[in-house]
Amino acid sequence: MSKIHFEKYKPSEFNEYFKLVQDDDVMRYITGKGMTEEQANHKFNSILEKSSIHDDIGYFKVYKDDQTIAGECKLVYNKYLENSLEIGYVLKKDFWKQGIGSKICEHLITLSKDRFPTYKIIAVIDPDNIASRKLLEKFNFVSYWKGIEHDVPTEKLILKK
């Protein structure tokens, strides 16, 4: 069984980030399509800022077998729901359907509960992303809001205690 580990992005790693987020298929349920370099650069600066707040908060590269970047994940403060953290992840196509999403989800939930035991844990998905919904439901997330947010179809799920 392959192992995964997590490292925060460094300012010098924009190119790794851009390789991931410029892919239309990878970004289909996040932004609708791959990001331009300008969009990715703006988002990457935001990622670095959010990652500097706390050691356990931010965006993390996801490595498979200690060398290959499989994607990224996030554990960030959620600004819309008081005392809550938001989890999320995106994987390169080569790593879809290998159980990595489950490992990431498990890691982020465990980290959240250990470091922030009083916080709610939420996830935000595109309502059409059936794979993400099934994965979150497997971990006991339930839907609590569906609608349009920032001009994008959105569904919010929360981890049941």
C-alpha atoms as a PDB file:
ATOM      1  CA  MET A   1       0.000   0.000   0.000  1.00  0.00           C
ATOM      2  CA  SER A   2       1.416   3.347  -0.966  1.00  0.00           C
ATOM      3  CA  LYS A   3       2.048   6.030   1.615  1.00  0.00           C
ATOM      4  CA  ILE A   4       1.163   9.673   1.360  1.00  0.00           C
ATOM      5  CA  HIS A   5       2.584  12.670   3.172  1.00  0.00           C
ATOM      6  CA  PHE A   6       1.889  16.378   3.258  1.00  0.00           C
ATOM      7  CA  GLU A   7       4.033  19.501   2.965  1.00  0.00           C
ATOM      8  CA  LYS A   8       3.013  23.134   2.811  1.00  0.00           C
ATOM      9  CA  TYR A   9       3.763  25.032  -0.364  1.00  0.00           C
ATOM     10  CA  LYS A  10       6.897  27.172  -0.415  1.00  0.00           C
ATOM     11  CA  PRO A  11       6.961  30.492  -2.334  1.00  0.00           C
ATOM     12  CA  SER A  12       9.311  28.931  -4.918  1.00  0.00           C
ATOM     13  CA  GLU A  13       6.799  26.204  -5.855  1.00  0.00           C
ATOM     14  CA  PHE A  14       4.373  28.148  -8.026  1.00  0.00           C
ATOM     15  CA  ASN A  15       5.198  26.032 -11.076  1.00  0.00           C
ATOM     16  CA  GLU A  16       4.166  22.823  -9.274  1.00  0.00           C
ATOM     17  CA  TYR A  17       0.900  24.457  -8.256  1.00  0.00           C
ATOM     18  CA  PHE A  18       0.243  25.818 -11.750  1.00  0.00           C
ATOM     19  CA  LYS A  19       0.814  22.389 -13.348  1.00  0.00           C
ATOM     20  CA  LEU A  20      -1.995  21.047 -11.169  1.00  0.00           C
ATOM     21  CA  VAL A  21      -4.557  23.842 -11.527  1.00  0.00           C
ATOM     22  CA  GLN A  22      -4.233  24.552 -15.251  1.00  0.00           C
ATOM     23  CA  ASP A  23      -5.787  21.151 -16.102  1.00  0.00           C
ATOM     24  CA  ASP A  24      -9.455  21.475 -17.145  1.00  0.00           C
ATOM     25  CA  ASP A  25     -10.404  17.968 -15.964  1.00  0.00           C
ATOM     26  CA  VAL A  26      -8.755  18.402 -12.557  1.00  0.00           C
ATOM     27  CA  MET A  27     -10.433  21.784 -11.998  1.00  0.00           C
ATOM     28  CA  ARG A  28     -13.832  20.885 -13.476  1.00  0.00           C
ATOM     29  CA  TYR A  29     -15.640  20.748 -10.120  1.00  0.00           C
ATOM     30  CA  ILE A  30     -13.637  23.544  -8.493  1.00  0.00           C
ATOM     31  CA  THR A  31     -13.507  26.471 -10.903  1.00  0.00           C
ATOM     32  CA  GLY A  32     -15.203  24.892 -13.921  1.00  0.00           C
ATOM     33  CA  LYS A  33     -12.004  24.923 -15.958  1.00  0.00           C
ATOM     34  CA  GLY A  34      -8.250  25.173 -15.585  1.00  0.00           C
ATOM     35  CA  MET A  35      -6.814  28.415 -14.280  1.00  0.00           C
ATOM     36  CA  THR A  36      -4.829  30.871 -16.351  1.00  0.00           C
ATOM     37  CA  GLU A  37      -1.337  31.693 -15.095  1.00  0.00           C
ATOM     38  CA  GLU A  38      -2.599  35.033 -13.781  1.00  0.00           C
ATOM     39  CA  GLN A  39      -5.498  33.387 -11.889  1.00  0.00           C
ATOM     40  CA  ALA A  40      -3.195  30.705 -10.516  1.00  0.00           C
ATOM     41  CA  ASN A  41      -0.642  33.285  -9.385  1.00  0.00           C
ATOM     42  CA  HIS A  42      -3.328  35.260  -7.529  1.00  0.00           C
ATOM     43  CA  LYS A  43      -4.625  32.075  -5.848  1.00  0.00           C
ATOM     44  CA  PHE A  44      -1.102  30.869  -5.017  1.00  0.00           C
ATOM     45  CA  ASN A  45      -0.350  34.125  -3.179  1.00  0.00           C
ATOM     46  CA  SER A  46      -3.582  33.650  -1.208  1.00  0.00           C
ATOM     47  CA  ILE A  47      -2.549  30.065  -0.418  1.00  0.00           C
ATOM     48  CA  LEU A  48       0.822  31.214   0.927  1.00  0.00           C
ATOM     49  CA  GLU A  49      -0.896  33.831   3.089  1.00  0.00           C
ATOM     50  CA  LYS A  50      -3.449  31.362   4.529  1.00  0.00           C
ATOM     51  CA  SER A  51      -0.703  28.807   5.130  1.00  0.00           C
ATOM     52  CA  SER A  52       1.339  31.266   7.213  1.00  0.00           C
ATOM     53  CA  ILE A  53      -1.369  31.690   9.894  1.00  0.00           C
ATOM     54  CA  HIS A  54      -0.816  28.422  11.776  1.00  0.00           C
ATOM     55  CA  ASP A  55       1.426  25.347  11.373  1.00  0.00           C
ATOM     56  CA  ASP A  56      -1.553  23.029  10.893  1.00  0.00           C
ATOM     57  CA  ILE A  57      -3.636  25.382   8.732  1.00  0.00           C
ATOM     58  CA  GLY A  58      -3.172  25.956   5.047  1.00  0.00           C
ATOM     59  CA  TYR A  59      -2.662  24.252   1.720  1.00  0.00           C
ATOM     60  CA  PHE A  60      -0.481  21.172   1.472  1.00  0.00           C
ATOM     61  CA  LYS A  61       1.091  19.324  -1.420  1.00  0.00           C
ATOM     62  CA  VAL A  62       0.135  15.658  -1.262  1.00  0.00           C
ATOM     63  CA  TYR A  63       3.020  13.326  -2.019  1.00  0.00           C
ATOM     64  CA  LYS A  64       2.579   9.679  -2.887  1.00  0.00           C
ATOM     65  CA  ASP A  65       5.455   7.381  -1.940  1.00  0.00           C
ATOM     66  CA  ASP A  66       7.586  10.332  -0.744  1.00  0.00           C
ATOM     67  CA  GLN A  67       8.447  11.681  -4.179  1.00  0.00           C
ATOM     68  CA  THR A  68       5.554  12.202  -6.543  1.00  0.00           C
ATOM     69  CA  ILE A  69       3.134  15.088  -6.061  1.00  0.00           C
ATOM     70  CA  ALA A  70      -0.321  13.549  -6.436  1.00  0.00           C
ATOM     71  CA  GLY A  71      -2.263  16.738  -5.731  1.00  0.00           C
ATOM     72  CA  GLU A  72      -3.000  19.117  -2.913  1.00  0.00           C
ATOM     73  CA  CYS A  73      -5.303  19.478   0.042  1.00  0.00           C
ATOM     74  CA  LYS A  74      -6.379  22.207   2.376  1.00  0.00           C
ATOM     75  CA  LEU A  75      -7.361  22.689   5.966  1.00  0.00           C
ATOM     76  CA  VAL A  76      -8.373  26.321   6.396  1.00  0.00           C
ATOM     77  CA  TYR A  77     -10.519  28.465   8.630  1.00  0.00           C
ATOM     78  CA  ASN A  78     -13.980  28.851   7.135  1.00  0.00           C
ATOM     79  CA  LYS A  79     -15.056  32.483   7.058  1.00  0.00           C
ATOM     80  CA  TYR A  80     -18.783  31.809   6.664  1.00  0.00           C
ATOM     81  CA  LEU A  81     -19.415  29.524   9.635  1.00  0.00           C
ATOM     82  CA  GLU A  82     -18.112  30.491  13.052  1.00  0.00           C
ATOM     83  CA  ASN A  83     -15.585  28.123  14.675  1.00  0.00           C
ATOM     84  CA  SER A  84     -15.279  25.924  11.635  1.00  0.00           C
ATOM     85  CA  LEU A  85     -12.577  24.519   9.415  1.00  0.00           C
ATOM     86  CA  GLU A  86     -12.929  23.630   5.759  1.00  0.00           C
ATOM     87  CA  ILE A  87     -11.251  20.633   4.201  1.00  0.00           C
ATOM     88  CA  GLY A  88     -10.724  20.002   0.513  1.00  0.00           C
ATOM     89  CA  TYR A  89      -8.458  18.317  -1.970  1.00  0.00           C
ATOM     90  CA  VAL A  90      -7.677  17.996  -5.652  1.00  0.00           C
ATOM     91  CA  LEU A  91      -5.733  15.204  -7.339  1.00  0.00           C
ATOM     92  CA  LYS A  92      -3.928  14.899 -10.643  1.00  0.00           C
ATOM     93  CA  LYS A  93      -5.794  12.585 -13.029  1.00  0.00           C
ATOM     94  CA  ASP A  94      -3.086   9.891 -12.736  1.00  0.00           C
ATOM     95  CA  PHE A  95      -4.060   9.468  -9.074  1.00  0.00           C
ATOM     96  CA  TRP A  96      -7.845   9.296  -9.354  1.00  0.00           C
ATOM     97  CA  LYS A  97      -9.594   6.163  -8.059  1.00  0.00           C
ATOM     98  CA  GLN A  98      -6.622   4.915  -6.008  1.00  0.00           C
ATOM     99  CA  GLY A  99      -7.986   5.589  -2.530  1.00  0.00           C
ATOM    100  CA  ILE A 100      -5.811   8.664  -2.049  1.00  0.00           C
ATOM    101  CA  GLY A 101      -8.851  10.908  -1.530  1.00  0.00           C
ATOM    102  CA  SER A 102      -9.902   8.680   1.390  1.00  0.00           C
ATOM    103  CA  LYS A 103      -6.432   8.879   2.937  1.00  0.00           C
ATOM    104  CA  ILE A 104      -6.404  12.661   2.583  1.00  0.00           C
ATOM    105  CA  CYS A 105      -9.881  12.981   4.093  1.00  0.00           C
ATOM    106  CA  GLU A 106      -8.949  10.748   7.007  1.00  0.00           C
ATOM    107  CA  HIS A 107      -5.761  12.737   7.646  1.00  0.00           C
ATOM    108  CA  LEU A 108      -7.509  16.125   7.538  1.00  0.00           C
ATOM    109  CA  ILE A 109     -10.333  14.995   9.832  1.00  0.00           C
ATOM    110  CA  THR A 110      -7.868  13.515  12.337  1.00  0.00           C
ATOM    111  CA  LEU A 111      -5.698  16.637  12.244  1.00  0.00           C
ATOM    112  CA  SER A 112      -8.767  18.853  12.726  1.00  0.00           C
ATOM    113  CA  LYS A 113     -10.063  16.851  15.678  1.00  0.00           C
ATOM    114  CA  ASP A 114      -6.628  16.684  17.335  1.00  0.00           C
ATOM    115  CA  ARG A 115      -5.641  20.338  16.942  1.00  0.00           C
ATOM    116  CA  PHE A 116      -9.044  22.048  16.907  1.00  0.00           C
ATOM    117  CA  PRO A 117     -11.393  19.748  18.857  1.00  0.00           C
ATOM    118  CA  THR A 118     -14.161  22.336  19.312  1.00  0.00           C
ATOM    119  CA  TYR A 119     -14.342  23.330  15.643  1.00  0.00           C
ATOM    120  CA  LYS A 120     -16.899  22.088  13.144  1.00  0.00           C
ATOM    121  CA  ILE A 121     -15.475  20.505   9.987  1.00  0.00           C
ATOM    122  CA  ILE A 122     -17.048  21.334   6.653  1.00  0.00           C
ATOM    123  CA  ALA A 123     -16.416  20.611   2.995  1.00  0.00           C
ATOM    124  CA  VAL A 124     -17.614  22.525  -0.049  1.00  0.00           C
ATOM    125  CA  ILE A 125     -18.230  20.709  -3.332  1.00  0.00           C
ATOM    126  CA  ASP A 126     -19.910  21.106  -6.690  1.00  0.00           C
ATOM    127  CA  PRO A 127     -23.301  19.338  -6.315  1.00  0.00           C
ATOM    128  CA  ASP A 128     -22.542  17.401  -9.522  1.00  0.00           C
ATOM    129  CA  ASN A 129     -19.355  15.926  -8.052  1.00  0.00           C
ATOM    130  CA  ILE A 130     -20.804  12.559  -7.051  1.00  0.00           C
ATOM    131  CA  ALA A 131     -17.402  11.019  -6.202  1.00  0.00           C
ATOM    132  CA  SER A 132     -16.607  13.744  -3.659  1.00  0.00           C
ATOM    133  CA  ARG A 133     -20.067  13.540  -2.109  1.00  0.00           C
ATOM    134  CA  LYS A 134     -19.805   9.741  -1.714  1.00  0.00           C
ATOM    135  CA  LEU A 135     -16.360  10.065  -0.144  1.00  0.00           C
ATOM    136  CA  LEU A 136     -17.544  12.703   2.328  1.00  0.00           C
ATOM    137  CA  GLU A 137     -20.666  10.698   3.217  1.00  0.00           C
ATOM    138  CA  LYS A 138     -18.412   7.699   3.915  1.00  0.00           C
ATOM    139  CA  PHE A 139     -16.741   9.858   6.586  1.00  0.00           C
ATOM    140  CA  ASN A 140     -20.110  10.919   8.061  1.00  0.00           C
ATOM    141  CA  PHE A 141     -20.550  14.300   6.387  1.00  0.00           C
ATOM    142  CA  VAL A 142     -24.101  15.468   5.698  1.00  0.00           C
ATOM    143  CA  SER A 143     -25.314  18.169   3.345  1.00  0.00           C
ATOM    144  CA  TYR A 144     -26.564  21.345   5.022  1.00  0.00           C
ATOM    145  CA  TRP A 145     -26.726  23.885   2.169  1.00  0.00           C
ATOM    146  CA  LYS A 146     -27.117  23.874  -1.610  1.00  0.00           C
ATOM    147  CA  GLY A 147     -27.258  26.866  -3.898  1.00  0.00           C
ATOM    148  CA  ILE A 148     -25.238  29.298  -5.954  1.00  0.00           C
ATOM    149  CA  GLU A 149     -22.240  30.969  -4.321  1.00  0.00           C
ATOM    150  CA  HIS A 150     -19.856  33.252  -6.243  1.00  0.00           C
ATOM    151  CA  ASP A 151     -21.798  32.351  -9.431  1.00  0.00           C
ATOM    152  CA  VAL A 152     -20.946  28.657  -8.968  1.00  0.00           C
ATOM    153  CA  PRO A 153     -23.261  25.742  -8.021  1.00  0.00           C
ATOM    154  CA  THR A 154     -22.241  24.862  -4.463  1.00  0.00           C
ATOM    155  CA  GLU A 155     -23.054  22.268  -1.833  1.00  0.00           C
ATOM    156  CA  LYS A 156     -21.802  22.481   1.738  1.00  0.00           C
ATOM    157  CA  LEU A 157     -21.457  19.442   3.960  1.00  0.00           C
ATOM    158  CA  ILE A 158     -20.654  19.207   7.656  1.00  0.00           C
ATOM    159  CA  LEU A 159     -19.133  16.388   9.657  1.00  0.00           C
ATOM    160  CA  LYS A 160     -21.647  14.906  12.104  1.00  0.00           C
ATOM    161  CA  LYS A 161     -20.229  14.639  15.621  1.00  0.00           C
END
